[in-house]
Amino acid sequence: SRYITDTTKERYHQCQNVNCSATFITYESVQRYIVKPGEVHAVRPHPLPSGQQIMWM
C-alpha cells in the first residue's frame, strides 16, 4: 500500500481463493473527524497481574 495524499491510502489486494487470484486496488480515505486528537498527557500503566509496576526512567 502507499499514501496518495495525507488522508488517502491506496491498498493492493489479492483474492485468497486459489481458483480466483483476482488482484485489485482500493482507496481508503478519511472523510471527517468525529473527535480530533488533542494534547496527549502520558499516564502510568496499569499494574501487572503480579502486582508489580514497570519502572519509568
PDB file of N, CA and C in Angstrom:
ATOM      1  N   SER A   1       0.841  -1.189   0.000  1.00  0.00           N
ATOM      2  CA  SER A   1       0.000   0.000   0.000  1.00  0.00           C
ATOM      3  C   SER A   1       0.877   1.239   0.000  1.00  0.00           C
ATOM      4  N   ARG A   2       0.292   2.357  -0.386  1.00  0.00           N
ATOM      5  CA  ARG A   2       1.024   3.627  -0.387  1.00  0.00           C
ATOM      6  C   ARG A   2       0.036   4.765  -0.182  1.00  0.00           C
ATOM      7  N   TYR A   3       0.545   5.875   0.340  1.00  0.00           N
ATOM      8  CA  TYR A   3      -0.293   7.050   0.545  1.00  0.00           C
ATOM      9  C   TYR A   3      -0.347   7.860  -0.739  1.00  0.00           C
ATOM     10  N   ILE A   4      -1.552   8.224  -1.149  1.00  0.00           N
ATOM     11  CA  ILE A   4      -1.767   9.090  -2.301  1.00  0.00           C
ATOM     12  C   ILE A   4      -1.730  10.543  -1.829  1.00  0.00           C
ATOM     13  N   THR A   5      -2.421  10.816  -0.706  1.00  0.00           N
ATOM     14  CA  THR A   5      -2.400  12.127  -0.052  1.00  0.00           C
ATOM     15  C   THR A   5      -2.275  11.871   1.445  1.00  0.00           C
ATOM     16  N   ASP A   6      -2.319  12.934   2.249  1.00  0.00           N
ATOM     17  CA  ASP A   6      -2.262  12.779   3.708  1.00  0.00           C
ATOM     18  C   ASP A   6      -3.462  12.012   4.255  1.00  0.00           C
ATOM     19  N   THR A   7      -4.568  12.018   3.512  1.00  0.00           N
ATOM     20  CA  THR A   7      -5.793  11.384   4.009  1.00  0.00           C
ATOM     21  C   THR A   7      -6.275  10.211   3.158  1.00  0.00           C
ATOM     22  N   THR A   8      -5.528   9.835   2.121  1.00  0.00           N
ATOM     23  CA  THR A   8      -5.944   8.737   1.242  1.00  0.00           C
ATOM     24  C   THR A   8      -4.818   7.738   1.046  1.00  0.00           C
ATOM     25  N   LYS A   9      -5.155   6.476   1.260  1.00  0.00           N
ATOM     26  CA  LYS A   9      -4.184   5.392   1.081  1.00  0.00           C
ATOM     27  C   LYS A   9      -4.678   4.450  -0.013  1.00  0.00           C
ATOM     28  N   GLU A  10      -3.778   4.091  -0.917  1.00  0.00           N
ATOM     29  CA  GLU A  10      -4.074   3.110  -1.952  1.00  0.00           C
ATOM     30  C   GLU A  10      -3.604   1.750  -1.443  1.00  0.00           C
ATOM     31  N   ARG A  11      -4.503   0.755  -1.476  1.00  0.00           N
ATOM     32  CA  ARG A  11      -4.163  -0.584  -0.978  1.00  0.00           C
ATOM     33  C   ARG A  11      -4.306  -1.605  -2.103  1.00  0.00           C
ATOM     34  N   TYR A  12      -3.435  -2.578  -2.077  1.00  0.00           N
ATOM     35  CA  TYR A  12      -3.449  -3.659  -3.055  1.00  0.00           C
ATOM     36  C   TYR A  12      -3.965  -4.925  -2.380  1.00  0.00           C
ATOM     37  N   HIS A  13      -4.836  -5.661  -3.064  1.00  0.00           N
ATOM     38  CA  HIS A  13      -5.434  -6.870  -2.507  1.00  0.00           C
ATOM     39  C   HIS A  13      -5.378  -7.988  -3.535  1.00  0.00           C
ATOM     40  N   GLN A  14      -5.358  -9.219  -3.027  1.00  0.00           N
ATOM     41  CA  GLN A  14      -5.438 -10.378  -3.905  1.00  0.00           C
ATOM     42  C   GLN A  14      -6.364 -11.396  -3.259  1.00  0.00           C
ATOM     43  N   CYS A  15      -7.267 -11.939  -4.047  1.00  0.00           N
ATOM     44  CA  CYS A  15      -8.208 -12.948  -3.563  1.00  0.00           C
ATOM     45  C   CYS A  15      -7.436 -14.151  -3.037  1.00  0.00           C
ATOM     46  N   GLN A  16      -7.872 -14.681  -1.892  1.00  0.00           N
ATOM     47  CA  GLN A  16      -7.196 -15.819  -1.271  1.00  0.00           C
ATOM     48  C   GLN A  16      -7.636 -17.155  -1.862  1.00  0.00           C
ATOM     49  N   ASN A  17      -8.680 -17.144  -2.682  1.00  0.00           N
ATOM     50  CA  ASN A  17      -9.160 -18.361  -3.328  1.00  0.00           C
ATOM     51  C   ASN A  17      -8.181 -18.738  -4.440  1.00  0.00           C
ATOM     52  N   VAL A  18      -7.631 -19.941  -4.392  1.00  0.00           N
ATOM     53  CA  VAL A  18      -6.629 -20.382  -5.364  1.00  0.00           C
ATOM     54  C   VAL A  18      -7.181 -20.386  -6.785  1.00  0.00           C
ATOM     55  N   ASN A  19      -8.476 -20.637  -6.923  1.00  0.00           N
ATOM     56  CA  ASN A  19      -9.088 -20.693  -8.250  1.00  0.00           C
ATOM     57  C   ASN A  19      -9.448 -19.316  -8.790  1.00  0.00           C
ATOM     58  N   CYS A  20      -9.320 -18.281  -7.985  1.00  0.00           N
ATOM     59  CA  CYS A  20      -9.710 -16.927  -8.394  1.00  0.00           C
ATOM     60  C   CYS A  20      -8.479 -16.069  -8.689  1.00  0.00           C
ATOM     61  N   SER A  21      -7.701 -15.786  -7.669  1.00  0.00           N
ATOM     62  CA  SER A  21      -6.482 -14.967  -7.772  1.00  0.00           C
ATOM     63  C   SER A  21      -6.722 -13.563  -8.311  1.00  0.00           C
ATOM     64  N   ALA A  22      -7.949 -13.033  -8.162  1.00  0.00           N
ATOM     65  CA  ALA A  22      -8.209 -11.661  -8.594  1.00  0.00           C
ATOM     66  C   ALA A  22      -7.322 -10.711  -7.795  1.00  0.00           C
ATOM     67  N   THR A  23      -6.757  -9.728  -8.463  1.00  0.00           N
ATOM     68  CA  THR A  23      -5.928  -8.717  -7.819  1.00  0.00           C
ATOM     69  C   THR A  23      -6.584  -7.368  -8.085  1.00  0.00           C
ATOM     70  N   PHE A  24      -6.725  -6.544  -7.034  1.00  0.00           N
ATOM     71  CA  PHE A  24      -7.412  -5.269  -7.206  1.00  0.00           C
ATOM     72  C   PHE A  24      -6.862  -4.228  -6.245  1.00  0.00           C
ATOM     73  N   ILE A  25      -7.224  -2.979  -6.500  1.00  0.00           N
ATOM     74  CA  ILE A  25      -6.782  -1.830  -5.707  1.00  0.00           C
ATOM     75  C   ILE A  25      -8.001  -1.172  -5.086  1.00  0.00           C
ATOM     76  N   THR A  26      -7.878  -0.767  -3.816  1.00  0.00           N
ATOM     77  CA  THR A  26      -8.920   0.017  -3.154  1.00  0.00           C
ATOM     78  C   THR A  26      -8.298   1.299  -2.620  1.00  0.00           C
ATOM     79  N   TYR A  27      -9.139   2.293  -2.354  1.00  0.00           N
ATOM     80  CA  TYR A  27      -8.695   3.546  -1.753  1.00  0.00           C
ATOM     81  C   TYR A  27      -9.374   3.707  -0.405  1.00  0.00           C
ATOM     82  N   GLU A  28      -8.592   4.034   0.591  1.00  0.00           N
ATOM     83  CA  GLU A  28      -9.090   4.251   1.951  1.00  0.00           C
ATOM     84  C   GLU A  28      -8.868   5.727   2.272  1.00  0.00           C
ATOM     85  N   SER A  29      -9.948   6.442   2.577  1.00  0.00           N
ATOM     86  CA  SER A  29      -9.851   7.888   2.819  1.00  0.00           C
ATOM     87  C   SER A  29     -10.508   8.290   4.127  1.00  0.00           C
ATOM     88  N   VAL A  30      -9.970   9.325   4.738  1.00  0.00           N
ATOM     89  CA  VAL A  30     -10.594   9.941   5.907  1.00  0.00           C
ATOM     90  C   VAL A  30     -11.585  10.969   5.378  1.00  0.00           C
ATOM     91  N   GLN A  31     -12.855  10.814   5.741  1.00  0.00           N
ATOM     92  CA  GLN A  31     -13.889  11.744   5.297  1.00  0.00           C
ATOM     93  C   GLN A  31     -14.018  12.930   6.249  1.00  0.00           C
ATOM     94  N   ARG A  32     -14.044  12.632   7.553  1.00  0.00           N
ATOM     95  CA  ARG A  32     -14.134  13.690   8.564  1.00  0.00           C
ATOM     96  C   ARG A  32     -13.770  13.083   9.913  1.00  0.00           C
ATOM     97  N   TYR A  33     -13.410  13.940  10.834  1.00  0.00           N
ATOM     98  CA  TYR A  33     -13.087  13.507  12.187  1.00  0.00           C
ATOM     99  C   TYR A  33     -14.325  13.606  13.060  1.00  0.00           C
ATOM    100  N   ILE A  34     -14.538  12.613  13.899  1.00  0.00           N
ATOM    101  CA  ILE A  34     -15.590  12.692  14.905  1.00  0.00           C
ATOM    102  C   ILE A  34     -15.024  13.441  16.103  1.00  0.00           C
ATOM    103  N   VAL A  35     -13.831  13.060  16.528  1.00  0.00           N
ATOM    104  CA  VAL A  35     -13.104  13.758  17.585  1.00  0.00           C
ATOM    105  C   VAL A  35     -11.653  13.830  17.143  1.00  0.00           C
ATOM    106  N   LYS A  36     -11.093  15.020  17.117  1.00  0.00           N
ATOM    107  CA  LYS A  36      -9.681  15.167  16.762  1.00  0.00           C
ATOM    108  C   LYS A  36      -8.827  14.930  17.997  1.00  0.00           C
ATOM    109  N   PRO A  37      -7.668  14.310  17.808  1.00  0.00           N
ATOM    110  CA  PRO A  37      -6.798  14.099  18.967  1.00  0.00           C
ATOM    111  C   PRO A  37      -6.296  15.432  19.510  1.00  0.00           C
ATOM    112  N   GLY A  38      -6.259  15.521  20.818  1.00  0.00           N
ATOM    113  CA  GLY A  38      -5.767  16.733  21.456  1.00  0.00           C
ATOM    114  C   GLY A  38      -4.366  16.508  21.988  1.00  0.00           C
ATOM    115  N   GLU A  39      -3.983  17.316  22.924  1.00  0.00           N
ATOM    116  CA  GLU A  39      -2.681  17.160  23.556  1.00  0.00           C
ATOM    117  C   GLU A  39      -2.704  15.893  24.406  1.00  0.00           C
ATOM    118  N   VAL A  40      -1.682  15.074  24.259  1.00  0.00           N
ATOM    119  CA  VAL A  40      -1.628  13.800  24.972  1.00  0.00           C
ATOM    120  C   VAL A  40      -0.831  13.970  26.251  1.00  0.00           C
ATOM    121  N   HIS A  41      -1.415  13.539  27.361  1.00  0.00           N
ATOM    122  CA  HIS A  41      -0.746  13.559  28.657  1.00  0.00           C
ATOM    123  C   HIS A  41      -0.431  12.120  29.035  1.00  0.00           C
ATOM    124  N   ALA A  42       0.848  11.810  29.169  1.00  0.00           N
ATOM    125  CA  ALA A  42       1.252  10.444  29.498  1.00  0.00           C
ATOM    126  C   ALA A  42       0.718  10.048  30.870  1.00  0.00           C
ATOM    127  N   VAL A  43       0.264   8.822  30.980  1.00  0.00           N
ATOM    128  CA  VAL A  43      -0.231   8.294  32.252  1.00  0.00           C
ATOM    129  C   VAL A  43       0.545   7.030  32.592  1.00  0.00           C
ATOM    130  N   ARG A  44       0.519   6.664  33.858  1.00  0.00           N
ATOM    131  CA  ARG A  44       1.204   5.453  34.296  1.00  0.00           C
ATOM    132  C   ARG A  44       0.431   4.235  33.815  1.00  0.00           C
ATOM    133  N   PRO A  45       1.128   3.161  33.440  1.00  0.00           N
ATOM    134  CA  PRO A  45       0.429   1.952  33.009  1.00  0.00           C
ATOM    135  C   PRO A  45      -0.256   1.268  34.181  1.00  0.00           C
ATOM    136  N   HIS A  46      -1.258   0.455  33.877  1.00  0.00           N
ATOM    137  CA  HIS A  46      -1.937  -0.331  34.910  1.00  0.00           C
ATOM    138  C   HIS A  46      -0.952  -1.323  35.517  1.00  0.00           C
ATOM    139  N   PRO A  47      -1.111  -1.663  36.793  1.00  0.00           N
ATOM    140  CA  PRO A  47      -0.233  -2.669  37.398  1.00  0.00           C
ATOM    141  C   PRO A  47      -0.387  -4.013  36.683  1.00  0.00           C
ATOM    142  N   LEU A  48       0.698  -4.771  36.642  1.00  0.00           N
ATOM    143  CA  LEU A  48       0.655  -6.107  36.058  1.00  0.00           C
ATOM    144  C   LEU A  48      -0.122  -7.030  36.988  1.00  0.00           C
ATOM    145  N   PRO A  49      -0.613  -8.166  36.487  1.00  0.00           N
ATOM    146  CA  PRO A  49      -1.360  -9.097  37.346  1.00  0.00           C
ATOM    147  C   PRO A  49      -0.570  -9.519  38.587  1.00  0.00           C
ATOM    148  N   SER A  50       0.755  -9.499  38.517  1.00  0.00           N
ATOM    149  CA  SER A  50       1.577  -9.885  39.667  1.00  0.00           C
ATOM    150  C   SER A  50       1.616  -8.785  40.722  1.00  0.00           C
ATOM    151  N   GLY A  51       1.044  -7.615  40.397  1.00  0.00           N
ATOM    152  CA  GLY A  51       1.037  -6.501  41.345  1.00  0.00           C
ATOM    153  C   GLY A  51       2.224  -5.573  41.179  1.00  0.00           C
ATOM    154  N   GLN A  52       3.186  -5.951  40.339  1.00  0.00           N
ATOM    155  CA  GLN A  52       4.358  -5.112  40.126  1.00  0.00           C
ATOM    156  C   GLN A  52       4.078  -4.112  39.022  1.00  0.00           C
ATOM    157  N   GLN A  53       4.803  -3.012  39.038  1.00  0.00           N
ATOM    158  CA  GLN A  53       4.666  -1.996  38.014  1.00  0.00           C
ATOM    159  C   GLN A  53       5.986  -1.829  37.277  1.00  0.00           C
ATOM    160  N   ILE A  54       5.895  -1.292  36.069  1.00  0.00           N
ATOM    161  CA  ILE A  54       7.080  -1.015  35.269  1.00  0.00           C
ATOM    162  C   ILE A  54       7.707   0.273  35.786  1.00  0.00           C
ATOM    163  N   MET A  55       9.035   0.284  35.912  1.00  0.00           N
ATOM    164  CA  MET A  55       9.743   1.480  36.379  1.00  0.00           C
ATOM    165  C   MET A  55       9.863   2.481  35.240  1.00  0.00           C
ATOM    166  N   TRP A  56       9.493   3.725  35.475  1.00  0.00           N
ATOM    167  CA  TRP A  56       9.640   4.803  34.498  1.00  0.00           C
ATOM    168  C   TRP A  56      10.941   5.512  34.781  1.00  0.00           C
ATOM    169  N   MET A  57      11.760   5.684  33.783  1.00  0.00           N
ATOM    170  CA  MET A  57      13.037   6.379  33.966  1.00  0.00           C
ATOM    171  C   MET A  57      12.996   7.703  33.266  1.00  0.00           C
TER     172      MET A  57
END
